Amino acid sequence: MKKFLLLLVGVLLMVFTVACSKDSGSDSGKKVEIDFWTTLGGKDAGTLEALVEKYNKSQDKVVVNFLSTQDDQKQLTAISGGNAPDIAHIYWNMVGPWAATGALEPLNKYIEEDNFDLDGLIPAATERMRVEDVQYGLPLTMSMASKLFYNKQAFADAGITDPPATMEELFDYSKKLTKEENGQLTQIGFIPDYPWIDNVFWPIMFGGSFYNEETGEVTPNNPENVQAIEFQQKFYKEFGVEAINKIRSGMGAYETPQDPLITGKLAMLIGWENHFNEYRGEDGPIGVADFPYPENRPDLKGSGMVSPTALYIPKNAKHKDEAWDFMKFLLSEENQIEYAIKFGSIPVVKSALDNPKLTENEDVKIMWEFYEAAKSENLKGFPNSVYINEYLQALSEETEKALKGELTAQQAMDNVKKKIQPIADKEIKK
């Protein structure tokens, strides 16, 4: 019996020791496992997964488990259900609403305690994830609309040698690049809302804003925003709403060989960094230029709209410190360059934009102009808030009415103010 009791005590002690070893995590030499989710899938996710593997090999304390194709609904459901990943990747406009529900961990303390160089990232990207001075996320990549794409042959046929520098020239060139046969448009120079309504881009290009932090007021109807709508209206007044809609209905699908910019049916278009890549370049049919600025606002030269993706840590994540360490790894200059080359994105680390590994890499030569444009101090984006999606929806709805001629630009933007200010006021009172 005595031997049996001694054996039993020994077994229990061994079980207890193993259990303690499991609970102690990295203290016993066992790596801490953290989960990283992204909305990306397929080949795009593979590029990010390669960085995960690189991180896992770079140190012996943490193992990152990567899970792709986790859309925003899956992520939010996991967080609310208590099964949150430790770090995740979403589109930036989710940050404000999710932060309001308490789903996101503020990053300010990590940034301050680690002396993380937030100024080393592109401000227009980091600001998209800030709500009332609280940084709820950091950008992994950013997309940018800051260029004018144009059909070279259409320009040559019209005797135009250089792309427009100002908004006024953009409108004048558009008239020269528009053709009509038997009372119908067969070619048009520019459609301000093709292929979609750019309800943030245009106000930014005219120096507009959407929110006054000092007063707590939304500002969709400030003078610059109204001017941006009025400028777009000029095209519909010049060529006619019905005529534009008719030629538009006969245009080929966006970014296909039948796309109107490629065929020349449309001469100019707002350009994003990863659109029409195979048609750009010295020998391609599509030229690239800085987007025009208002003639009376030369200070707005180099303006553009930024839309980043966000890295965040859920409030109920189990391993926040380890998640932060991994986030910093993704935002190093070296890894930002590696990701940009493989993924075809714009780095958010300023120093990367001047690194020869990126700026002299022939594999991403098509992006060089956008890397340079990303340095501009005139890049902006839409402010994040609890009601961001309602605000953007209202802007789209009212802008569309204005372009159709149903409302004046002032009326349309006043309507946005009436819709959104009460929502903003409620949030201020909370």
Protein backbone atom coordinates (compact mmCIF):
# COMPACT_ATOMS: atom_id res chain seq x y z
CA MET A 1 0.00 0.00 0.00
CA LYS A 2 2.83 2.35 0.90
CA LYS A 3 4.48 1.76 -2.46
CA PHE A 4 1.16 2.35 -4.20
CA LEU A 5 0.66 5.66 -2.34
CA LEU A 6 4.16 6.78 -3.21
CA LEU A 7 3.53 5.90 -6.87
CA LEU A 8 0.21 7.76 -6.84
CA VAL A 9 1.82 10.85 -5.33
CA GLY A 10 4.54 10.66 -8.00
CA VAL A 11 1.99 10.48 -10.81
CA LEU A 12 -0.02 13.38 -9.40
CA LEU A 13 3.14 15.45 -9.03
CA MET A 14 4.06 14.72 -12.65
CA VAL A 15 0.58 15.71 -13.85
CA PHE A 16 0.74 18.89 -11.79
CA THR A 17 4.17 19.71 -13.21
CA VAL A 18 2.98 19.20 -16.78
CA ALA A 19 -0.10 21.32 -16.14
CA CYS A 20 2.00 24.11 -14.69
CA SER A 21 4.31 23.85 -17.69
CA LYS A 22 1.37 24.33 -20.04
CA ASP A 23 0.07 27.33 -18.12
CA SER A 24 3.48 28.97 -17.89
CA GLY A 25 3.72 29.39 -21.68
CA SER A 26 6.96 31.00 -22.76
CA ASP A 27 8.41 30.80 -19.24
CA SER A 28 8.99 27.07 -19.78
CA GLY A 29 10.30 27.52 -23.29
CA LYS A 30 6.96 26.89 -25.02
CA LYS A 31 6.10 29.40 -27.70
CA VAL A 32 3.04 31.58 -27.32
CA GLU A 33 0.57 31.02 -30.15
CA ILE A 34 -1.40 33.96 -31.52
CA ASP A 35 -4.06 34.04 -34.20
CA PHE A 36 -3.91 36.50 -37.11
CA TRP A 37 -6.98 36.87 -39.33
CA THR A 38 -7.31 38.72 -42.62
CA THR A 39 -10.10 39.43 -45.05
CA LEU A 40 -7.74 38.59 -47.92
CA GLY A 41 -7.97 35.29 -49.74
CA GLY A 42 -6.22 33.33 -52.46
CA LYS A 43 -3.01 34.73 -53.93
CA ASP A 44 -3.40 38.01 -52.05
CA ALA A 45 -3.49 36.16 -48.74
CA GLY A 46 -0.43 34.16 -49.77
CA THR A 47 1.67 37.30 -49.91
CA LEU A 48 0.73 38.15 -46.34
CA GLU A 49 1.19 34.55 -45.21
CA ALA A 50 4.79 34.70 -46.43
CA LEU A 51 5.48 37.51 -43.95
CA VAL A 52 3.84 35.46 -41.20
CA GLU A 53 6.22 32.59 -41.95
CA LYS A 54 9.14 35.02 -41.97
CA TYR A 55 8.16 36.34 -38.54
CA ASN A 56 7.78 32.84 -37.11
CA LYS A 57 11.30 31.98 -38.24
CA SER A 58 12.77 35.27 -37.00
CA GLN A 59 12.27 34.56 -33.27
CA ASP A 60 11.55 31.70 -30.86
CA LYS A 61 8.92 33.16 -28.53
CA VAL A 62 5.80 33.50 -30.65
CA VAL A 63 4.06 31.45 -33.34
CA VAL A 64 1.52 33.27 -35.50
CA ASN A 65 -1.33 31.13 -36.82
CA PHE A 66 -2.63 32.65 -40.05
CA LEU A 67 -6.24 32.43 -41.20
CA SER A 68 -7.39 34.04 -44.45
CA THR A 69 -10.80 34.87 -45.93
CA GLN A 70 -12.20 36.11 -42.63
CA ASP A 71 -14.50 38.96 -43.64
CA ASP A 72 -15.58 41.74 -41.30
CA GLN A 73 -18.74 39.89 -40.23
CA LYS A 74 -16.77 36.78 -39.25
CA GLN A 75 -14.30 38.90 -37.32
CA LEU A 76 -16.95 40.87 -35.45
CA THR A 77 -18.91 37.71 -34.62
CA ALA A 78 -15.76 36.11 -33.19
CA ILE A 79 -14.99 39.17 -31.09
CA SER A 80 -18.52 39.47 -29.68
CA GLY A 81 -18.60 35.71 -29.05
CA GLY A 82 -15.41 35.75 -26.99
CA ASN A 83 -13.34 33.91 -29.60
CA ALA A 84 -11.41 36.86 -30.98
CA PRO A 85 -8.14 36.52 -32.87
CA ASP A 86 -5.18 38.26 -31.29
CA ILE A 87 -4.63 40.55 -34.27
CA ALA A 88 -6.63 41.06 -37.44
CA HIS A 89 -6.72 42.90 -40.75
CA ILE A 90 -9.78 44.72 -42.15
CA TYR A 91 -10.75 47.70 -44.27
CA TRP A 92 -10.26 51.03 -42.49
CA ASN A 93 -13.89 52.21 -42.35
CA MET A 94 -14.80 49.43 -39.90
CA VAL A 95 -12.51 50.88 -37.25
CA GLY A 96 -14.74 53.75 -36.08
CA PRO A 97 -17.99 51.80 -35.61
CA TRP A 98 -16.21 48.84 -34.00
CA ALA A 99 -14.26 51.08 -31.63
CA ALA A 100 -17.54 52.60 -30.45
CA THR A 101 -18.79 49.17 -29.39
CA GLY A 102 -15.65 48.56 -27.33
CA ALA A 103 -14.42 45.84 -29.68
CA LEU A 104 -10.97 47.34 -30.33
CA GLU A 105 -7.96 47.83 -28.08
CA PRO A 106 -6.58 51.41 -28.14
CA LEU A 107 -2.98 51.37 -29.32
CA ASN A 108 -1.86 54.65 -27.74
CA LYS A 109 -0.20 53.02 -24.72
CA TYR A 110 1.77 50.61 -26.91
CA ILE A 111 2.88 53.44 -29.19
CA GLU A 112 3.97 55.59 -26.24
CA GLU A 113 5.62 52.86 -24.15
CA ASP A 114 7.54 51.53 -27.16
CA ASN A 115 8.41 54.95 -28.59
CA PHE A 116 6.95 53.66 -31.84
CA ASP A 117 7.59 56.18 -34.61
CA LEU A 118 4.03 56.94 -35.65
CA ASP A 119 5.31 59.97 -37.57
CA GLY A 120 7.31 57.57 -39.69
CA LEU A 121 4.07 56.36 -41.26
CA ILE A 122 2.09 58.29 -43.88
CA PRO A 123 -0.24 60.59 -41.87
CA ALA A 124 -3.16 60.30 -44.29
CA ALA A 125 -3.16 56.54 -43.63
CA THR A 126 -2.77 56.57 -39.83
CA GLU A 127 -5.37 59.31 -39.41
CA ARG A 128 -8.02 57.09 -40.99
CA MET A 129 -7.86 54.84 -37.92
CA ARG A 130 -7.94 57.56 -35.30
CA VAL A 131 -11.12 58.53 -33.46
CA GLU A 132 -10.88 61.59 -31.17
CA ASP A 133 -7.11 61.20 -30.65
CA VAL A 134 -7.35 57.47 -29.93
CA GLN A 135 -5.40 55.29 -32.36
CA TYR A 136 -7.42 52.09 -32.78
CA GLY A 137 -5.46 50.63 -35.66
CA LEU A 138 -2.42 51.05 -37.88
CA PRO A 139 -2.32 50.75 -41.68
CA LEU A 140 -0.79 47.74 -43.39
CA THR A 141 -1.16 49.16 -46.90
CA MET A 142 -2.89 52.05 -48.58
CA SER A 143 -4.62 52.65 -51.87
CA MET A 144 -4.61 56.07 -53.47
CA ALA A 145 -6.48 58.07 -56.09
CA SER A 146 -4.21 60.93 -57.13
CA LYS A 147 -3.57 60.52 -60.85
CA LEU A 148 -5.29 61.22 -64.14
CA PHE A 149 -5.29 58.36 -66.63
CA TYR A 150 -5.77 59.35 -70.27
CA ASN A 151 -5.98 57.71 -73.67
CA LYS A 152 -2.88 58.77 -75.61
CA GLN A 153 -4.41 58.24 -79.04
CA ALA A 154 -7.48 60.31 -78.20
CA PHE A 155 -5.19 63.14 -77.11
CA ALA A 156 -3.14 62.87 -80.30
CA ASP A 157 -6.26 62.88 -82.48
CA ALA A 158 -7.44 66.04 -80.73
CA GLY A 159 -4.04 67.72 -81.12
CA ILE A 160 -3.46 67.80 -77.35
CA THR A 161 0.18 67.31 -76.44
CA ASP A 162 0.12 67.56 -72.63
CA PRO A 163 -2.36 66.41 -69.97
CA PRO A 164 -4.36 69.11 -68.15
CA ALA A 165 -2.68 70.75 -65.17
CA THR A 166 -5.73 72.52 -63.71
CA MET A 167 -9.40 71.70 -63.24
CA GLU A 168 -10.25 74.41 -65.74
CA GLU A 169 -8.06 72.73 -68.36
CA LEU A 170 -9.62 69.37 -67.50
CA PHE A 171 -13.02 70.78 -68.42
CA ASP A 172 -11.75 72.50 -71.60
CA TYR A 173 -9.89 69.38 -72.73
CA SER A 174 -12.99 67.32 -72.09
CA LYS A 175 -14.93 69.44 -74.58
CA LYS A 176 -12.18 69.03 -77.19
CA LEU A 177 -12.10 65.29 -76.60
CA THR A 178 -15.84 64.81 -76.99
CA LYS A 179 -17.28 63.71 -80.34
CA GLU A 180 -20.85 63.62 -81.59
CA GLU A 181 -22.50 61.94 -84.57
CA ASN A 182 -26.16 62.27 -85.57
CA GLY A 183 -26.95 64.02 -82.32
CA GLN A 184 -25.39 61.33 -80.14
CA LEU A 185 -22.11 61.25 -78.22
CA THR A 186 -19.65 58.72 -79.64
CA GLN A 187 -16.70 59.78 -77.49
CA ILE A 188 -16.56 61.82 -74.30
CA GLY A 189 -13.61 63.49 -72.67
CA PHE A 190 -14.42 62.91 -69.00
CA ILE A 191 -17.27 61.75 -66.76
CA PRO A 192 -16.69 62.88 -63.16
CA ASP A 193 -18.58 59.96 -61.59
CA TYR A 194 -17.34 57.17 -63.85
CA PRO A 195 -17.09 54.34 -62.97
CA TRP A 196 -18.56 55.33 -59.59
CA ILE A 197 -19.42 58.44 -57.54
CA ASP A 198 -16.27 59.68 -55.80
CA ASN A 199 -17.97 61.41 -52.91
CA VAL A 200 -14.72 61.92 -50.95
CA PHE A 201 -12.17 62.35 -53.73
CA TRP A 202 -13.69 65.50 -55.28
CA PRO A 203 -14.04 67.55 -52.07
CA ILE A 204 -10.44 66.66 -51.16
CA MET A 205 -9.22 67.84 -54.57
CA PHE A 206 -10.88 71.21 -53.96
CA GLY A 207 -9.49 71.56 -50.43
CA GLY A 208 -12.71 70.57 -48.68
CA SER A 209 -13.27 68.88 -45.34
CA PHE A 210 -15.92 66.77 -43.63
CA TYR A 211 -15.63 67.44 -39.91
CA ASN A 212 -14.63 70.25 -37.55
CA GLU A 213 -12.96 68.76 -34.50
CA GLU A 214 -13.16 72.00 -32.51
CA THR A 215 -16.91 72.48 -32.89
CA GLY A 216 -17.99 68.87 -33.34
CA GLU A 217 -19.79 69.81 -36.54
CA VAL A 218 -19.89 67.83 -39.75
CA THR A 219 -18.99 70.09 -42.67
CA PRO A 220 -20.25 68.57 -45.94
CA ASN A 221 -21.66 71.94 -47.00
CA ASN A 222 -18.55 74.06 -46.60
CA PRO A 223 -17.70 76.20 -49.67
CA GLU A 224 -14.95 73.92 -51.04
CA ASN A 225 -17.19 70.83 -50.88
CA VAL A 226 -19.96 72.68 -52.70
CA GLN A 227 -17.48 73.88 -55.35
CA ALA A 228 -16.41 70.27 -55.90
CA ILE A 229 -20.02 69.25 -56.64
CA GLU A 230 -20.57 72.29 -58.86
CA PHE A 231 -17.50 71.41 -60.91
CA GLN A 232 -18.84 67.91 -61.54
CA GLN A 233 -22.21 69.38 -62.49
CA LYS A 234 -20.54 71.38 -65.27
CA PHE A 235 -19.97 68.22 -67.27
CA TYR A 236 -23.61 67.19 -67.07
CA LYS A 237 -24.77 70.68 -67.96
CA GLU A 238 -22.36 70.83 -70.91
CA PHE A 239 -23.07 67.42 -72.44
CA GLY A 240 -26.52 66.65 -70.99
CA VAL A 241 -27.61 64.13 -68.39
CA GLU A 242 -29.40 61.93 -70.92
CA ALA A 243 -26.55 62.05 -73.43
CA ILE A 244 -23.99 61.06 -70.80
CA ASN A 245 -26.19 58.29 -69.45
CA LYS A 246 -26.71 56.96 -72.98
CA ILE A 247 -23.03 56.79 -73.93
CA ARG A 248 -22.27 55.42 -70.51
CA SER A 249 -24.77 52.58 -70.93
CA GLY A 250 -22.91 51.43 -74.03
CA MET A 251 -19.48 51.37 -72.44
CA GLY A 252 -17.63 48.12 -71.93
CA ALA A 253 -16.94 46.66 -68.49
CA TYR A 254 -14.38 48.47 -66.34
CA GLU A 255 -10.77 47.29 -66.75
CA THR A 256 -11.54 44.83 -69.54
CA PRO A 257 -10.28 45.13 -73.15
CA GLN A 258 -13.64 46.78 -73.90
CA ASP A 259 -13.18 49.39 -71.18
CA PRO A 260 -13.97 52.85 -72.65
CA LEU A 261 -10.64 54.29 -71.55
CA ILE A 262 -8.82 51.58 -73.49
CA THR A 263 -11.02 51.81 -76.58
CA GLY A 264 -10.90 55.62 -76.51
CA LYS A 265 -14.62 56.08 -76.01
CA LEU A 266 -13.67 57.83 -72.76
CA ALA A 267 -10.54 59.99 -72.93
CA MET A 268 -9.77 60.63 -69.23
CA LEU A 269 -10.38 58.90 -65.90
CA ILE A 270 -9.53 59.20 -62.19
CA GLY A 271 -6.56 56.86 -61.68
CA TRP A 272 -5.83 54.43 -58.83
CA GLU A 273 -2.44 52.80 -58.36
CA ASN A 274 -3.34 49.25 -59.37
CA HIS A 275 -5.76 49.90 -62.19
CA PHE A 276 -4.93 49.38 -65.88
CA ASN A 277 -1.41 48.23 -65.01
CA GLU A 278 -0.89 46.29 -68.24
CA TYR A 279 -1.95 49.31 -70.33
CA ARG A 280 0.23 51.91 -68.63
CA GLY A 281 3.91 52.62 -69.22
CA GLU A 282 5.86 54.25 -72.03
CA ASP A 283 4.55 51.94 -74.74
CA GLY A 284 1.06 51.48 -73.32
CA PRO A 285 -2.07 53.23 -74.65
CA ILE A 286 -2.80 54.91 -71.31
CA GLY A 287 -0.82 57.88 -70.02
CA VAL A 288 -0.51 58.89 -66.36
CA ALA A 289 -0.34 62.43 -64.97
CA ASP A 290 -0.93 64.23 -61.69
CA PHE A 291 -4.60 64.94 -61.21
CA PRO A 292 -5.42 68.61 -61.91
CA TYR A 293 -5.92 71.20 -59.15
CA PRO A 294 -8.13 74.31 -59.14
CA GLU A 295 -6.42 77.16 -60.96
CA ASN A 296 -6.80 79.48 -57.98
CA ARG A 297 -5.44 76.87 -55.57
CA PRO A 298 -1.94 75.90 -56.72
CA ASP A 299 -1.28 74.92 -53.10
CA LEU A 300 -3.47 71.87 -53.71
CA LYS A 301 -1.13 70.42 -56.32
CA GLY A 302 -0.37 66.80 -55.45
CA SER A 303 -3.67 66.23 -53.68
CA GLY A 304 -5.13 62.76 -53.49
CA MET A 305 -7.45 60.49 -51.57
CA VAL A 306 -6.07 57.71 -49.38
CA SER A 307 -7.91 54.50 -48.45
CA PRO A 308 -5.83 52.16 -46.24
CA THR A 309 -6.34 48.71 -44.76
CA ALA A 310 -6.17 48.39 -40.98
CA LEU A 311 -4.34 46.18 -38.52
CA TYR A 312 -6.02 46.07 -35.11
CA ILE A 313 -6.00 44.19 -31.81
CA PRO A 314 -9.39 43.08 -30.43
CA LYS A 315 -10.24 44.29 -26.93
CA ASN A 316 -10.65 40.71 -25.68
CA ALA A 317 -7.54 39.32 -27.41
CA LYS A 318 -5.63 36.91 -25.19
CA HIS A 319 -2.10 37.89 -26.25
CA LYS A 320 -2.06 41.63 -26.88
CA ASP A 321 1.64 42.23 -26.24
CA GLU A 322 2.63 39.52 -28.69
CA ALA A 323 0.11 40.86 -31.22
CA TRP A 324 1.66 44.32 -30.93
CA ASP A 325 5.13 42.89 -31.51
CA PHE A 326 3.91 41.18 -34.69
CA MET A 327 2.20 44.38 -35.83
CA LYS A 328 5.47 46.28 -35.49
CA PHE A 329 7.18 43.57 -37.54
CA LEU A 330 4.70 44.06 -40.40
CA LEU A 331 5.37 47.81 -40.30
CA SER A 332 9.15 47.65 -40.55
CA GLU A 333 10.66 49.29 -43.63
CA GLU A 334 12.10 46.01 -44.90
CA ASN A 335 8.82 44.12 -44.65
CA GLN A 336 6.77 46.96 -46.08
CA ILE A 337 9.02 46.97 -49.15
CA GLU A 338 8.84 43.20 -49.48
CA TYR A 339 5.05 43.26 -49.19
CA ALA A 340 4.68 46.17 -51.62
CA ILE A 341 6.71 44.40 -54.30
CA LYS A 342 4.86 41.10 -54.00
CA PHE A 343 1.38 42.49 -53.36
CA GLY A 344 1.57 45.54 -55.62
CA SER A 345 0.66 47.98 -52.87
CA ILE A 346 1.89 51.35 -51.64
CA PRO A 347 4.00 51.14 -48.45
CA VAL A 348 2.78 53.17 -45.47
CA VAL A 349 6.31 53.64 -44.10
CA LYS A 350 7.69 56.94 -45.39
CA SER A 351 11.32 55.83 -45.58
CA ALA A 352 10.34 52.92 -47.83
CA LEU A 353 9.24 55.39 -50.50
CA ASP A 354 12.85 56.51 -51.00
CA ASN A 355 14.49 53.10 -50.69
CA PRO A 356 16.19 52.02 -53.97
CA LYS A 357 15.07 48.44 -53.28
CA LEU A 358 11.60 49.72 -54.08
CA THR A 359 12.07 52.80 -56.25
CA GLU A 360 14.55 51.12 -58.59
CA ASN A 361 12.89 47.71 -58.69
CA GLU A 362 11.92 47.07 -62.32
CA ASP A 363 9.23 44.58 -61.27
CA VAL A 364 7.18 47.44 -59.81
CA LYS A 365 8.20 50.16 -62.25
CA ILE A 366 4.54 50.77 -63.07
CA MET A 367 4.08 51.94 -59.47
CA TRP A 368 6.99 54.37 -59.24
CA GLU A 369 4.81 57.41 -59.98
CA PHE A 370 2.46 56.46 -57.18
CA TYR A 371 5.32 55.90 -54.73
CA GLU A 372 6.45 59.45 -55.46
CA ALA A 373 2.90 60.78 -55.16
CA ALA A 374 2.55 59.08 -51.76
CA LYS A 375 5.06 61.58 -50.34
CA SER A 376 2.70 64.51 -50.88
CA GLU A 377 1.54 66.44 -47.85
CA ASN A 378 -1.77 67.06 -49.62
CA LEU A 379 -3.02 63.50 -49.25
CA LYS A 380 -6.19 63.18 -47.22
CA GLY A 381 -9.05 60.82 -46.54
CA PHE A 382 -12.41 60.61 -44.86
CA PRO A 383 -12.47 61.02 -41.05
CA ASN A 384 -13.33 57.92 -39.05
CA SER A 385 -16.30 57.97 -36.69
CA VAL A 386 -19.09 55.86 -35.27
CA TYR A 387 -21.39 57.08 -38.03
CA ILE A 388 -18.91 56.95 -40.92
CA ASN A 389 -20.94 54.59 -43.07
CA GLU A 390 -24.13 56.65 -42.70
CA TYR A 391 -22.16 59.77 -43.60
CA LEU A 392 -20.63 58.24 -46.71
CA GLN A 393 -24.01 56.89 -47.80
CA ALA A 394 -25.64 60.31 -47.42
CA LEU A 395 -22.86 61.94 -49.46
CA SER A 396 -23.34 59.44 -52.28
CA GLU A 397 -27.11 59.80 -52.34
CA GLU A 398 -27.16 63.58 -52.35
CA THR A 399 -24.24 63.92 -54.79
CA GLU A 400 -26.09 61.69 -57.24
CA LYS A 401 -29.17 63.91 -57.02
CA ALA A 402 -27.04 66.98 -57.69
CA LEU A 403 -25.36 65.43 -60.73
CA LYS A 404 -28.74 64.48 -62.16
CA GLY A 405 -29.83 68.10 -61.84
CA GLU A 406 -32.46 67.41 -59.20
CA LEU A 407 -30.76 69.65 -56.61
CA THR A 408 -28.21 72.42 -56.54
CA ALA A 409 -24.82 71.53 -55.08
CA GLN A 410 -25.59 73.67 -52.03
CA GLN A 411 -28.95 72.01 -51.46
CA ALA A 412 -27.44 68.54 -51.77
CA MET A 413 -24.69 69.20 -49.24
CA ASP A 414 -27.08 71.03 -46.90
CA ASN A 415 -29.19 67.87 -46.95
CA VAL A 416 -26.19 65.80 -45.90
CA LYS A 417 -25.63 68.21 -43.02
CA LYS A 418 -29.27 67.84 -41.92
CA LYS A 419 -29.06 64.06 -42.04
CA ILE A 420 -25.74 63.58 -40.26
CA GLN A 421 -25.41 66.40 -37.72
CA PRO A 422 -28.11 64.97 -35.41
CA ILE A 423 -26.26 61.64 -35.39
CA ALA A 424 -23.00 63.41 -34.59
CA ASP A 425 -24.66 65.39 -31.78
CA LYS A 426 -25.91 62.19 -30.17
CA GLU A 427 -22.40 60.79 -30.14
CA ILE A 428 -21.00 63.94 -28.58
CA LYS A 429 -23.53 63.71 -25.72
CA LYS A 430 -22.58 60.13 -24.87
